[in-house]
Amino acid sequence: MAATARLAQSLARLPVAAASAVKKDGWRGIVRTLAAGEGRLLVTNHNEPEAVILSIAEYTGLVDALQAAQQAVPDPVNELRQRFDQRLASLKEDSAADRLRDIMGNPGKLNGGVKAGSTY
């Protein structure tokens, strides 16, 4: 489903207040509406969505959900960094210079193939 369709569906489920009603009721009226309802209010202007107003509880819930989702998905860059650091650590070993000299002194034969990566 396209992001626009998902957004339209989620907006359709929100309580609605016209911008003119918001102006008429004032800020206290909006806060009362949030407290009495779901903690969310879609403000429209000429029947077009213009803004969503959230209560503190609703906003906090969204932030908590976002943080939980971010922690649930591993960071691929961090994973690559760890693998790179492991390979780099092998160059810091005392025997690294001797291993490099051995490789450079005995390059091996390709026989028409290519040697690359950790699987060659």
PDB file of N, CA and C in Angstrom:
ATOM      1  N   MET A   1       0.845  -1.169   0.000  1.00  0.00           N
ATOM      2  CA  MET A   1       0.000   0.000   0.000  1.00  0.00           C
ATOM      3  C   MET A   1       0.896   1.238   0.000  1.00  0.00           C
ATOM      4  N   ALA A   2       0.545   2.186  -0.811  1.00  0.00           N
ATOM      5  CA  ALA A   2       1.340   3.402  -0.930  1.00  0.00           C
ATOM      6  C   ALA A   2       1.261   4.212   0.360  1.00  0.00           C
ATOM      7  N   ALA A   3       2.321   4.981   0.610  1.00  0.00           N
ATOM      8  CA  ALA A   3       2.373   5.795   1.820  1.00  0.00           C
ATOM      9  C   ALA A   3       1.218   6.790   1.869  1.00  0.00           C
ATOM     10  N   THR A   4       0.837   7.338   0.726  1.00  0.00           N
ATOM     11  CA  THR A   4      -0.258   8.308   0.678  1.00  0.00           C
ATOM     12  C   THR A   4      -1.573   7.659   1.098  1.00  0.00           C
ATOM     13  N   ALA A   5      -1.807   6.434   0.656  1.00  0.00           N
ATOM     14  CA  ALA A   5      -3.034   5.720   1.030  1.00  0.00           C
ATOM     15  C   ALA A   5      -3.039   5.396   2.521  1.00  0.00           C
ATOM     16  N   ARG A   6      -1.894   4.970   3.054  1.00  0.00           N
ATOM     17  CA  ARG A   6      -1.807   4.686   4.490  1.00  0.00           C
ATOM     18  C   ARG A   6      -2.059   5.948   5.298  1.00  0.00           C
ATOM     19  N   LEU A   7      -1.512   7.070   4.856  1.00  0.00           N
ATOM     20  CA  LEU A   7      -1.718   8.337   5.552  1.00  0.00           C
ATOM     21  C   LEU A   7      -3.193   8.718   5.525  1.00  0.00           C
ATOM     22  N   ALA A   8      -3.833   8.576   4.368  1.00  0.00           N
ATOM     23  CA  ALA A   8      -5.250   8.916   4.252  1.00  0.00           C
ATOM     24  C   ALA A   8      -6.091   8.044   5.175  1.00  0.00           C
ATOM     25  N   GLN A   9      -5.769   6.755   5.269  1.00  0.00           N
ATOM     26  CA  GLN A   9      -6.514   5.862   6.154  1.00  0.00           C
ATOM     27  C   GLN A   9      -6.341   6.252   7.614  1.00  0.00           C
ATOM     28  N   SER A  10      -5.112   6.571   8.011  1.00  0.00           N
ATOM     29  CA  SER A  10      -4.885   6.934   9.406  1.00  0.00           C
ATOM     30  C   SER A  10      -5.541   8.269   9.747  1.00  0.00           C
ATOM     31  N   LEU A  11      -5.539   9.212   8.815  1.00  0.00           N
ATOM     32  CA  LEU A  11      -6.197  10.500   9.061  1.00  0.00           C
ATOM     33  C   LEU A  11      -7.711  10.333   9.151  1.00  0.00           C
ATOM     34  N   ALA A  12      -8.261   9.414   8.375  1.00  0.00           N
ATOM     35  CA  ALA A  12      -9.710   9.204   8.372  1.00  0.00           C
ATOM     36  C   ALA A  12     -10.211   8.691   9.716  1.00  0.00           C
ATOM     37  N   ARG A  13      -9.342   8.063  10.498  1.00  0.00           N
ATOM     38  CA  ARG A  13      -9.740   7.520  11.804  1.00  0.00           C
ATOM     39  C   ARG A  13      -9.664   8.552  12.922  1.00  0.00           C
ATOM     40  N   LEU A  14      -9.130   9.725  12.645  1.00  0.00           N
ATOM     41  CA  LEU A  14      -8.967  10.743  13.688  1.00  0.00           C
ATOM     42  C   LEU A  14     -10.234  11.582  13.852  1.00  0.00           C
ATOM     43  N   PRO A  15     -10.480  12.052  15.086  1.00  0.00           N
ATOM     44  CA  PRO A  15     -11.546  13.037  15.260  1.00  0.00           C
ATOM     45  C   PRO A  15     -11.159  14.318  14.522  1.00  0.00           C
ATOM     46  N   VAL A  16     -12.160  15.002  13.950  1.00  0.00           N
ATOM     47  CA  VAL A  16     -11.894  16.152  13.084  1.00  0.00           C
ATOM     48  C   VAL A  16     -12.490  17.417  13.682  1.00  0.00           C
ATOM     49  N   ALA A  17     -11.748  18.508  13.517  1.00  0.00           N
ATOM     50  CA  ALA A  17     -12.256  19.838  13.856  1.00  0.00           C
ATOM     51  C   ALA A  17     -11.863  20.773  12.728  1.00  0.00           C
ATOM     52  N   ALA A  18     -12.814  21.563  12.269  1.00  0.00           N
ATOM     53  CA  ALA A  18     -12.513  22.551  11.234  1.00  0.00           C
ATOM     54  C   ALA A  18     -11.690  23.680  11.843  1.00  0.00           C
ATOM     55  N   ALA A  19     -10.859  24.290  11.031  1.00  0.00           N
ATOM     56  CA  ALA A  19     -10.027  25.399  11.510  1.00  0.00           C
ATOM     57  C   ALA A  19     -10.896  26.519  12.073  1.00  0.00           C
ATOM     58  N   SER A  20     -12.049  26.743  11.494  1.00  0.00           N
ATOM     59  CA  SER A  20     -12.946  27.793  11.996  1.00  0.00           C
ATOM     60  C   SER A  20     -13.449  27.441  13.399  1.00  0.00           C
ATOM     61  N   ALA A  21     -13.689  26.161  13.669  1.00  0.00           N
ATOM     62  CA  ALA A  21     -14.114  25.745  15.005  1.00  0.00           C
ATOM     63  C   ALA A  21     -12.976  25.893  16.002  1.00  0.00           C
ATOM     64  N   VAL A  22     -11.776  25.610  15.558  1.00  0.00           N
ATOM     65  CA  VAL A  22     -10.608  25.778  16.422  1.00  0.00           C
ATOM     66  C   VAL A  22     -10.469  27.252  16.801  1.00  0.00           C
ATOM     67  N   LYS A  23     -10.636  28.103  15.837  1.00  0.00           N
ATOM     68  CA  LYS A  23     -10.543  29.546  16.090  1.00  0.00           C
ATOM     69  C   LYS A  23     -11.654  29.987  17.047  1.00  0.00           C
ATOM     70  N   LYS A  24     -12.859  29.471  16.845  1.00  0.00           N
ATOM     71  CA  LYS A  24     -14.007  29.846  17.670  1.00  0.00           C
ATOM     72  C   LYS A  24     -13.846  29.336  19.108  1.00  0.00           C
ATOM     73  N   ASP A  25     -13.453  28.040  19.264  1.00  0.00           N
ATOM     74  CA  ASP A  25     -13.340  27.430  20.593  1.00  0.00           C
ATOM     75  C   ASP A  25     -12.093  27.865  21.344  1.00  0.00           C
ATOM     76  N   GLY A  26     -11.078  28.284  20.632  1.00  0.00           N
ATOM     77  CA  GLY A  26      -9.832  28.704  21.268  1.00  0.00           C
ATOM     78  C   GLY A  26      -8.999  27.530  21.748  1.00  0.00           C
ATOM     79  N   TRP A  27      -7.858  27.866  22.303  1.00  0.00           N
ATOM     80  CA  TRP A  27      -6.924  26.830  22.745  1.00  0.00           C
ATOM     81  C   TRP A  27      -7.512  25.956  23.845  1.00  0.00           C
ATOM     82  N   ARG A  28      -8.199  26.560  24.819  1.00  0.00           N
ATOM     83  CA  ARG A  28      -8.798  25.771  25.899  1.00  0.00           C
ATOM     84  C   ARG A  28      -9.816  24.768  25.353  1.00  0.00           C
ATOM     85  N   GLY A  29     -10.574  25.156  24.358  1.00  0.00           N
ATOM     86  CA  GLY A  29     -11.535  24.242  23.745  1.00  0.00           C
ATOM     87  C   GLY A  29     -10.837  23.063  23.086  1.00  0.00           C
ATOM     88  N   ILE A  30      -9.713  23.332  22.444  1.00  0.00           N
ATOM     89  CA  ILE A  30      -8.929  22.264  21.805  1.00  0.00           C
ATOM     90  C   ILE A  30      -8.399  21.299  22.855  1.00  0.00           C
ATOM     91  N   VAL A  31      -7.852  21.834  23.933  1.00  0.00           N
ATOM     92  CA  VAL A  31      -7.305  20.983  24.995  1.00  0.00           C
ATOM     93  C   VAL A  31      -8.421  20.141  25.608  1.00  0.00           C
ATOM     94  N   ARG A  32      -9.604  20.710  25.810  1.00  0.00           N
ATOM     95  CA  ARG A  32     -10.745  19.943  26.331  1.00  0.00           C
ATOM     96  C   ARG A  32     -11.124  18.817  25.355  1.00  0.00           C
ATOM     97  N   THR A  33     -11.125  19.116  24.067  1.00  0.00           N
ATOM     98  CA  THR A  33     -11.442  18.102  23.060  1.00  0.00           C
ATOM     99  C   THR A  33     -10.425  16.970  23.105  1.00  0.00           C
ATOM    100  N   LEU A  34      -9.146  17.306  23.242  1.00  0.00           N
ATOM    101  CA  LEU A  34      -8.104  16.278  23.324  1.00  0.00           C
ATOM    102  C   LEU A  34      -8.288  15.419  24.562  1.00  0.00           C
ATOM    103  N   ALA A  35      -8.570  16.058  25.702  1.00  0.00           N
ATOM    104  CA  ALA A  35      -8.727  15.332  26.961  1.00  0.00           C
ATOM    105  C   ALA A  35      -9.960  14.426  26.929  1.00  0.00           C
ATOM    106  N   ALA A  36     -11.013  14.884  26.281  1.00  0.00           N
ATOM    107  CA  ALA A  36     -12.258  14.108  26.246  1.00  0.00           C
ATOM    108  C   ALA A  36     -12.212  12.989  25.212  1.00  0.00           C
ATOM    109  N   GLY A  37     -11.340  13.107  24.240  1.00  0.00           N
ATOM    110  CA  GLY A  37     -11.299  12.134  23.145  1.00  0.00           C
ATOM    111  C   GLY A  37     -10.101  11.221  23.220  1.00  0.00           C
ATOM    112  N   GLU A  38      -9.514  10.984  22.068  1.00  0.00           N
ATOM    113  CA  GLU A  38      -8.404  10.036  21.914  1.00  0.00           C
ATOM    114  C   GLU A  38      -7.046  10.664  22.150  1.00  0.00           C
ATOM    115  N   GLY A  39      -6.986  11.955  22.366  1.00  0.00           N
ATOM    116  CA  GLY A  39      -5.701  12.618  22.525  1.00  0.00           C
ATOM    117  C   GLY A  39      -5.113  13.065  21.205  1.00  0.00           C
ATOM    118  N   ARG A  40      -5.921  12.946  20.134  1.00  0.00           N
ATOM    119  CA  ARG A  40      -5.491  13.364  18.796  1.00  0.00           C
ATOM    120  C   ARG A  40      -6.633  14.126  18.149  1.00  0.00           C
ATOM    121  N   LEU A  41      -6.279  15.116  17.364  1.00  0.00           N
ATOM    122  CA  LEU A  41      -7.308  15.889  16.673  1.00  0.00           C
ATOM    123  C   LEU A  41      -6.771  16.343  15.329  1.00  0.00           C
ATOM    124  N   LEU A  42      -7.514  16.038  14.285  1.00  0.00           N
ATOM    125  CA  LEU A  42      -7.161  16.467  12.937  1.00  0.00           C
ATOM    126  C   LEU A  42      -7.845  17.804  12.671  1.00  0.00           C
ATOM    127  N   VAL A  43      -7.071  18.812  12.329  1.00  0.00           N
ATOM    128  CA  VAL A  43      -7.604  20.132  12.005  1.00  0.00           C
ATOM    129  C   VAL A  43      -7.636  20.258  10.490  1.00  0.00           C
ATOM    130  N   THR A  44      -8.806  20.603   9.967  1.00  0.00           N
ATOM    131  CA  THR A  44      -8.965  20.747   8.524  1.00  0.00           C
ATOM    132  C   THR A  44      -9.250  22.199   8.165  1.00  0.00           C
ATOM    133  N   ASN A  45      -8.904  22.553   6.953  1.00  0.00           N
ATOM    134  CA  ASN A  45      -9.208  23.866   6.405  1.00  0.00           C
ATOM    135  C   ASN A  45      -9.855  23.612   5.052  1.00  0.00           C
ATOM    136  N   HIS A  46     -11.114  23.989   4.902  1.00  0.00           N
ATOM    137  CA  HIS A  46     -11.890  23.704   3.691  1.00  0.00           C
ATOM    138  C   HIS A  46     -11.883  22.206   3.387  1.00  0.00           C
ATOM    139  N   ASN A  47     -12.079  21.408   4.437  1.00  0.00           N
ATOM    140  CA  ASN A  47     -12.148  19.938   4.359  1.00  0.00           C
ATOM    141  C   ASN A  47     -10.848  19.273   3.924  1.00  0.00           C
ATOM    142  N   GLU A  48      -9.752  19.977   3.959  1.00  0.00           N
ATOM    143  CA  GLU A  48      -8.437  19.404   3.645  1.00  0.00           C
ATOM    144  C   GLU A  48      -7.616  19.317   4.938  1.00  0.00           C
ATOM    145  N   PRO A  49      -6.968  18.182   5.208  1.00  0.00           N
ATOM    146  CA  PRO A  49      -6.145  18.065   6.415  1.00  0.00           C
ATOM    147  C   PRO A  49      -5.057  19.143   6.448  1.00  0.00           C
ATOM    148  N   GLU A  50      -4.941  19.786   7.591  1.00  0.00           N
ATOM    149  CA  GLU A  50      -3.947  20.849   7.718  1.00  0.00           C
ATOM    150  C   GLU A  50      -2.971  20.593   8.853  1.00  0.00           C
ATOM    151  N   ALA A  51      -3.457  19.994   9.950  1.00  0.00           N
ATOM    152  CA  ALA A  51      -2.581  19.747  11.092  1.00  0.00           C
ATOM    153  C   ALA A  51      -3.181  18.651  11.962  1.00  0.00           C
ATOM    154  N   VAL A  52      -2.312  18.019  12.738  1.00  0.00           N
ATOM    155  CA  VAL A  52      -2.753  17.073  13.765  1.00  0.00           C
ATOM    156  C   VAL A  52      -2.211  17.584  15.085  1.00  0.00           C
ATOM    157  N   ILE A  53      -3.096  17.710  16.049  1.00  0.00           N
ATOM    158  CA  ILE A  53      -2.705  18.165  17.386  1.00  0.00           C
ATOM    159  C   ILE A  53      -2.751  16.953  18.301  1.00  0.00           C
ATOM    160  N   LEU A  54      -1.690  16.769  19.085  1.00  0.00           N
ATOM    161  CA  LEU A  54      -1.573  15.612  19.978  1.00  0.00           C
ATOM    162  C   LEU A  54      -1.514  16.061  21.425  1.00  0.00           C
ATOM    163  N   SER A  55      -2.081  15.242  22.311  1.00  0.00           N
ATOM    164  CA  SER A  55      -1.903  15.460  23.745  1.00  0.00           C
ATOM    165  C   SER A  55      -0.485  15.013  24.119  1.00  0.00           C
ATOM    166  N   ILE A  56      -0.043  15.401  25.291  1.00  0.00           N
ATOM    167  CA  ILE A  56       1.288  14.980  25.757  1.00  0.00           C
ATOM    168  C   ILE A  56       1.354  13.457  25.859  1.00  0.00           C
ATOM    169  N   ALA A  57       0.298  12.833  26.366  1.00  0.00           N
ATOM    170  CA  ALA A  57       0.292  11.369  26.505  1.00  0.00           C
ATOM    171  C   ALA A  57       0.416  10.695  25.145  1.00  0.00           C
ATOM    172  N   GLU A  58      -0.303  11.197  24.170  1.00  0.00           N
ATOM    173  CA  GLU A  58      -0.246  10.627  22.818  1.00  0.00           C
ATOM    174  C   GLU A  58       1.140  10.818  22.202  1.00  0.00           C
ATOM    175  N   TYR A  59       1.696  12.010  22.350  1.00  0.00           N
ATOM    176  CA  TYR A  59       3.031  12.300  21.816  1.00  0.00           C
ATOM    177  C   TYR A  59       4.076  11.395  22.472  1.00  0.00           C
ATOM    178  N   THR A  60       4.004  11.251  23.788  1.00  0.00           N
ATOM    179  CA  THR A  60       4.953  10.401  24.510  1.00  0.00           C
ATOM    180  C   THR A  60       4.848   8.951  24.042  1.00  0.00           C
ATOM    181  N   GLY A  61       3.615   8.489  23.807  1.00  0.00           N
ATOM    182  CA  GLY A  61       3.425   7.136  23.299  1.00  0.00           C
ATOM    183  C   GLY A  61       4.057   6.944  21.934  1.00  0.00           C
ATOM    184  N   LEU A  62       3.928   7.942  21.060  1.00  0.00           N
ATOM    185  CA  LEU A  62       4.547   7.857  19.735  1.00  0.00           C
ATOM    186  C   LEU A  62       6.069   7.826  19.826  1.00  0.00           C
ATOM    187  N   VAL A  63       6.625   8.669  20.679  1.00  0.00           N
ATOM    188  CA  VAL A  63       8.084   8.706  20.839  1.00  0.00           C
ATOM    189  C   VAL A  63       8.587   7.380  21.401  1.00  0.00           C
ATOM    190  N   ASP A  64       7.888   6.840  22.393  1.00  0.00           N
ATOM    191  CA  ASP A  64       8.287   5.548  22.971  1.00  0.00           C
ATOM    192  C   ASP A  64       8.224   4.435  21.927  1.00  0.00           C
ATOM    193  N   ALA A  65       7.161   4.437  21.116  1.00  0.00           N
ATOM    194  CA  ALA A  65       7.032   3.416  20.068  1.00  0.00           C
ATOM    195  C   ALA A  65       8.154   3.535  19.037  1.00  0.00           C
ATOM    196  N   LEU A  66       8.502   4.761  18.679  1.00  0.00           N
ATOM    197  CA  LEU A  66       9.590   4.980  17.726  1.00  0.00           C
ATOM    198  C   LEU A  66      10.921   4.480  18.284  1.00  0.00           C
ATOM    199  N   GLN A  67      11.200   4.807  19.542  1.00  0.00           N
ATOM    200  CA  GLN A  67      12.455   4.361  20.151  1.00  0.00           C
ATOM    201  C   GLN A  67      12.514   2.841  20.252  1.00  0.00           C
ATOM    202  N   ALA A  68      11.393   2.204  20.585  1.00  0.00           N
ATOM    203  CA  ALA A  68      11.357   0.741  20.666  1.00  0.00           C
ATOM    204  C   ALA A  68      11.600   0.126  19.293  1.00  0.00           C
ATOM    205  N   ALA A  69      11.017   0.714  18.257  1.00  0.00           N
ATOM    206  CA  ALA A  69      11.205   0.206  16.896  1.00  0.00           C
ATOM    207  C   ALA A  69      12.657   0.367  16.453  1.00  0.00           C
ATOM    208  N   GLN A  70      13.269   1.480  16.798  1.00  0.00           N
ATOM    209  CA  GLN A  70      14.665   1.704  16.411  1.00  0.00           C
ATOM    210  C   GLN A  70      15.594   0.728  17.115  1.00  0.00           C
ATOM    211  N   GLN A  71      15.296   0.380  18.353  1.00  0.00           N
ATOM    212  CA  GLN A  71      16.135  -0.565  19.089  1.00  0.00           C
ATOM    213  C   GLN A  71      15.918  -1.998  18.622  1.00  0.00           C
ATOM    214  N   ALA A  72      14.737  -2.289  18.071  1.00  0.00           N
ATOM    215  CA  ALA A  72      14.431  -3.645  17.623  1.00  0.00           C
ATOM    216  C   ALA A  72      15.144  -4.003  16.326  1.00  0.00           C
ATOM    217  N   VAL A  73      15.489  -3.004  15.533  1.00  0.00           N
ATOM    218  CA  VAL A  73      16.142  -3.234  14.245  1.00  0.00           C
ATOM    219  C   VAL A  73      17.635  -2.960  14.399  1.00  0.00           C
ATOM    220  N   PRO A  74      18.480  -3.964  14.137  1.00  0.00           N
ATOM    221  CA  PRO A  74      19.922  -3.729  14.271  1.00  0.00           C
ATOM    222  C   PRO A  74      20.411  -2.721  13.232  1.00  0.00           C
ATOM    223  N   ASP A  75      21.385  -1.952  13.627  1.00  0.00           N
ATOM    224  CA  ASP A  75      21.966  -0.935  12.757  1.00  0.00           C
ATOM    225  C   ASP A  75      22.947  -1.605  11.789  1.00  0.00           C
ATOM    226  N   PRO A  76      22.650  -1.629  10.481  1.00  0.00           N
ATOM    227  CA  PRO A  76      23.535  -2.321   9.531  1.00  0.00           C
ATOM    228  C   PRO A  76      24.912  -1.676   9.447  1.00  0.00           C
ATOM    229  N   VAL A  77      25.001  -0.381   9.635  1.00  0.00           N
ATOM    230  CA  VAL A  77      26.309   0.287   9.582  1.00  0.00           C
ATOM    231  C   VAL A  77      27.159  -0.152  10.767  1.00  0.00           C
ATOM    232  N   ASN A  78      26.539  -0.300  11.927  1.00  0.00           N
ATOM    233  CA  ASN A  78      27.281  -0.745  13.101  1.00  0.00           C
ATOM    234  C   ASN A  78      27.795  -2.163  12.898  1.00  0.00           C
ATOM    235  N   GLU A  79      26.981  -3.013  12.281  1.00  0.00           N
ATOM    236  CA  GLU A  79      27.393  -4.388  11.992  1.00  0.00           C
ATOM    237  C   GLU A  79      28.595  -4.407  11.047  1.00  0.00           C
ATOM    238  N   LEU A  80      28.565  -3.593  10.003  1.00  0.00           N
ATOM    239  CA  LEU A  80      29.703  -3.496   9.077  1.00  0.00           C
ATOM    240  C   LEU A  80      30.944  -2.962   9.781  1.00  0.00           C
ATOM    241  N   ARG A  81      30.739  -1.983  10.660  1.00  0.00           N
ATOM    242  CA  ARG A  81      31.860  -1.408  11.401  1.00  0.00           C
ATOM    243  C   ARG A  81      32.531  -2.466  12.270  1.00  0.00           C
ATOM    244  N   GLN A  82      31.743  -3.312  12.916  1.00  0.00           N
ATOM    245  CA  GLN A  82      32.311  -4.366  13.763  1.00  0.00           C
ATOM    246  C   GLN A  82      33.108  -5.369  12.938  1.00  0.00           C
ATOM    247  N   ARG A  83      32.556  -5.754  11.777  1.00  0.00           N
ATOM    248  CA  ARG A  83      33.295  -6.689  10.915  1.00  0.00           C
ATOM    249  C   ARG A  83      34.591  -6.063  10.415  1.00  0.00           C
ATOM    250  N   PHE A  84      34.567  -4.783  10.046  1.00  0.00           N
ATOM    251  CA  PHE A  84      35.768  -4.091   9.591  1.00  0.00           C
ATOM    252  C   PHE A  84      36.793  -4.022  10.724  1.00  0.00           C
ATOM    253  N   ASP A  85      36.322  -3.689  11.928  1.00  0.00           N
ATOM    254  CA  ASP A  85      37.234  -3.595  13.073  1.00  0.00           C
ATOM    255  C   ASP A  85      37.889  -4.938  13.382  1.00  0.00           C
ATOM    256  N   GLN A  86      37.147  -6.038  13.196  1.00  0.00           N
ATOM    257  CA  GLN A  86      37.736  -7.357  13.417  1.00  0.00           C
ATOM    258  C   GLN A  86      38.858  -7.631  12.418  1.00  0.00           C
ATOM    259  N   ARG A  87      38.608  -7.282  11.161  1.00  0.00           N
ATOM    260  CA  ARG A  87      39.649  -7.479  10.137  1.00  0.00           C
ATOM    261  C   ARG A  87      40.838  -6.563  10.388  1.00  0.00           C
ATOM    262  N   LEU A  88      40.555  -5.352  10.783  1.00  0.00           N
ATOM    263  CA  LEU A  88      41.629  -4.403  11.063  1.00  0.00           C
ATOM    264  C   LEU A  88      42.468  -4.861  12.253  1.00  0.00           C
ATOM    265  N   ALA A  89      41.819  -5.479  13.231  1.00  0.00           N
ATOM    266  CA  ALA A  89      42.540  -5.966  14.413  1.00  0.00           C
ATOM    267  C   ALA A  89      43.590  -7.003  14.028  1.00  0.00           C
ATOM    268  N   SER A  90      43.318  -7.794  12.971  1.00  0.00           N
ATOM    269  CA  SER A  90      44.307  -8.800  12.562  1.00  0.00           C
ATOM    270  C   SER A  90      45.583  -8.137  12.039  1.00  0.00           C
ATOM    271  N   LEU A  91      45.484  -6.915  11.541  1.00  0.00           N
ATOM    272  CA  LEU A  91      46.677  -6.208  11.067  1.00  0.00           C
ATOM    273  C   LEU A  91      47.523  -5.674  12.214  1.00  0.00           C
ATOM    274  N   LYS A  92      46.934  -5.610  13.398  1.00  0.00           N
ATOM    275  CA  LYS A  92      47.664  -5.097  14.559  1.00  0.00           C
ATOM    276  C   LYS A  92      48.373  -6.213  15.327  1.00  0.00           C
ATOM    277  N   GLU A  93      48.153  -7.459  14.929  1.00  0.00           N
ATOM    278  CA  GLU A  93      48.817  -8.584  15.593  1.00  0.00           C
ATOM    279  C   GLU A  93      50.311  -8.542  15.299  1.00  0.00           C
ATOM    280  N   ASP A  94      51.093  -9.116  16.196  1.00  0.00           N
ATOM    281  CA  ASP A  94      52.547  -9.113  16.036  1.00  0.00           C
ATOM    282  C   ASP A  94      52.985  -9.833  14.760  1.00  0.00           C
ATOM    283  N   SER A  95      52.237 -10.862  14.352  1.00  0.00           N
ATOM    284  CA  SER A  95      52.640 -11.653  13.186  1.00  0.00           C
ATOM    285  C   SER A  95      52.141 -11.059  11.867  1.00  0.00           C
ATOM    286  N   ALA A  96      51.446  -9.930  11.897  1.00  0.00           N
ATOM    287  CA  ALA A  96      50.850  -9.361  10.685  1.00  0.00           C
ATOM    288  C   ALA A  96      51.922  -9.020   9.644  1.00  0.00           C
ATOM    289  N   ALA A  97      53.019  -8.415  10.058  1.00  0.00           N
ATOM    290  CA  ALA A  97      54.068  -8.026   9.105  1.00  0.00           C
ATOM    291  C   ALA A  97      54.671  -9.259   8.434  1.00  0.00           C
ATOM    292  N   ASP A  98      54.924 -10.311   9.207  1.00  0.00           N
ATOM    293  CA  ASP A  98      55.496 -11.537   8.640  1.00  0.00           C
ATOM    294  C   ASP A  98      54.511 -12.198   7.652  1.00  0.00           C
ATOM    295  N   ARG A  99      53.222 -12.211   7.992  1.00  0.00           N
ATOM    296  CA  ARG A  99      52.215 -12.791   7.095  1.00  0.00           C
ATOM    297  C   ARG A  99      52.148 -12.005   5.794  1.00  0.00           C
ATOM    298  N   LEU A 100      52.207 -10.692   5.866  1.00  0.00           N
ATOM    299  CA  LEU A 100      52.158  -9.856   4.673  1.00  0.00           C
ATOM    300  C   LEU A 100      53.389 -10.090   3.796  1.00  0.00           C
ATOM    301  N   ARG A 101      54.554 -10.197   4.405  1.00  0.00           N
ATOM    302  CA  ARG A 101      55.769 -10.475   3.634  1.00  0.00           C
ATOM    303  C   ARG A 101      55.670 -11.830   2.927  1.00  0.00           C
ATOM    304  N   ASP A 102      55.141 -12.834   3.610  1.00  0.00           N
ATOM    305  CA  ASP A 102      54.968 -14.159   3.002  1.00  0.00           C
ATOM    306  C   ASP A 102      54.036 -14.085   1.796  1.00  0.00           C
ATOM    307  N   ILE A 103      52.941 -13.375   1.937  1.00  0.00           N
ATOM    308  CA  ILE A 103      51.977 -13.252   0.841  1.00  0.00           C
ATOM    309  C   ILE A 103      52.609 -12.531  -0.346  1.00  0.00           C
ATOM    310  N   MET A 104      53.300 -11.434  -0.077  1.00  0.00           N
ATOM    311  CA  MET A 104      53.898 -10.645  -1.154  1.00  0.00           C
ATOM    312  C   MET A 104      55.059 -11.406  -1.800  1.00  0.00           C
ATOM    313  N   GLY A 105      55.758 -12.229  -1.036  1.00  0.00           N
ATOM    314  CA  GLY A 105      56.879 -12.992  -1.576  1.00  0.00           C
ATOM    315  C   GLY A 105      56.434 -14.206  -2.376  1.00  0.00           C
ATOM    316  N   ASN A 106      55.240 -14.683  -2.134  1.00  0.00           N
ATOM    317  CA  ASN A 106      54.724 -15.859  -2.811  1.00  0.00           C
ATOM    318  C   ASN A 106      53.296 -15.550  -3.274  1.00  0.00           C
ATOM    319  N   PRO A 107      53.159 -14.769  -4.353  1.00  0.00           N
ATOM    320  CA  PRO A 107      51.838 -14.269  -4.729  1.00  0.00           C
ATOM    321  C   PRO A 107      50.840 -15.332  -5.183  1.00  0.00           C
ATOM    322  N   GLY A 108      51.269 -16.489  -5.564  1.00  0.00           N
ATOM    323  CA  GLY A 108      50.318 -17.512  -6.003  1.00  0.00           C
ATOM    324  C   GLY A 108      49.950 -17.352  -7.470  1.00  0.00           C
ATOM    325  N   LYS A 109      49.323 -18.381  -8.015  1.00  0.00           N
ATOM    326  CA  LYS A 109      48.950 -18.360  -9.421  1.00  0.00           C
ATOM    327  C   LYS A 109      47.444 -18.223  -9.529  1.00  0.00           C
ATOM    328  N   LEU A 110      47.016 -17.382 -10.435  1.00  0.00           N
ATOM    329  CA  LEU A 110      45.584 -17.149 -10.617  1.00  0.00           C
ATOM    330  C   LEU A 110      44.940 -18.170 -11.533  1.00  0.00           C
ATOM    331  N   ASN A 111      45.697 -18.705 -12.485  1.00  0.00           N
ATOM    332  CA  ASN A 111      45.168 -19.676 -13.446  1.00  0.00           C
ATOM    333  C   ASN A 111      43.866 -19.201 -14.089  1.00  0.00           C
ATOM    334  N   GLY A 112      43.826 -17.959 -14.452  1.00  0.00           N
ATOM    335  CA  GLY A 112      42.652 -17.407 -15.119  1.00  0.00           C
ATOM    336  C   GLY A 112      41.533 -16.986 -14.177  1.00  0.00           C
ATOM    337  N   GLY A 113      41.683 -17.220 -12.867  1.00  0.00           N
ATOM    338  CA  GLY A 113      40.643 -16.846 -11.917  1.00  0.00           C
ATOM    339  C   GLY A 113      41.002 -15.558 -11.192  1.00  0.00           C
ATOM    340  N   VAL A 114      40.152 -15.197 -10.294  1.00  0.00           N
ATOM    341  CA  VAL A 114      40.362 -13.988  -9.503  1.00  0.00           C
ATOM    342  C   VAL A 114      40.277 -14.374  -8.028  1.00  0.00           C
ATOM    343  N   LYS A 115      41.217 -13.859  -7.240  1.00  0.00           N
ATOM    344  CA  LYS A 115      41.177 -14.073  -5.802  1.00  0.00           C
ATOM    345  C   LYS A 115      40.702 -12.778  -5.158  1.00  0.00           C
ATOM    346  N   ALA A 116      39.608 -12.870  -4.395  1.00  0.00           N
ATOM    347  CA  ALA A 116      39.100 -11.676  -3.741  1.00  0.00           C
ATOM    348  C   ALA A 116      38.284 -12.059  -2.515  1.00  0.00           C
ATOM    349  N   GLY A 117      38.257 -11.203  -1.544  1.00  0.00           N
ATOM    350  CA  GLY A 117      37.447 -11.391  -0.355  1.00  0.00           C
ATOM    351  C   GLY A 117      37.985 -12.459   0.577  1.00  0.00           C
ATOM    352  N   SER A 118      37.188 -12.833   1.539  1.00  0.00           N
ATOM    353  CA  SER A 118      37.624 -13.781   2.556  1.00  0.00           C
ATOM    354  C   SER A 118      37.387 -15.236   2.149  1.00  0.00           C
ATOM    355  N   THR A 119      36.774 -15.469   0.979  1.00  0.00           N
ATOM    356  CA  THR A 119      36.447 -16.848   0.574  1.00  0.00           C
ATOM    357  C   THR A 119      37.405 -17.448  -0.444  1.00  0.00           C
ATOM    358  N   TYR A 120      38.416 -16.709  -0.879  1.00  0.00           N
ATOM    359  CA  TYR A 120      39.285 -17.258  -1.915  1.00  0.00           C
ATOM    360  C   TYR A 120      40.116 -18.362  -1.313  1.00  0.00           C
TER     361      TYR A 120
END
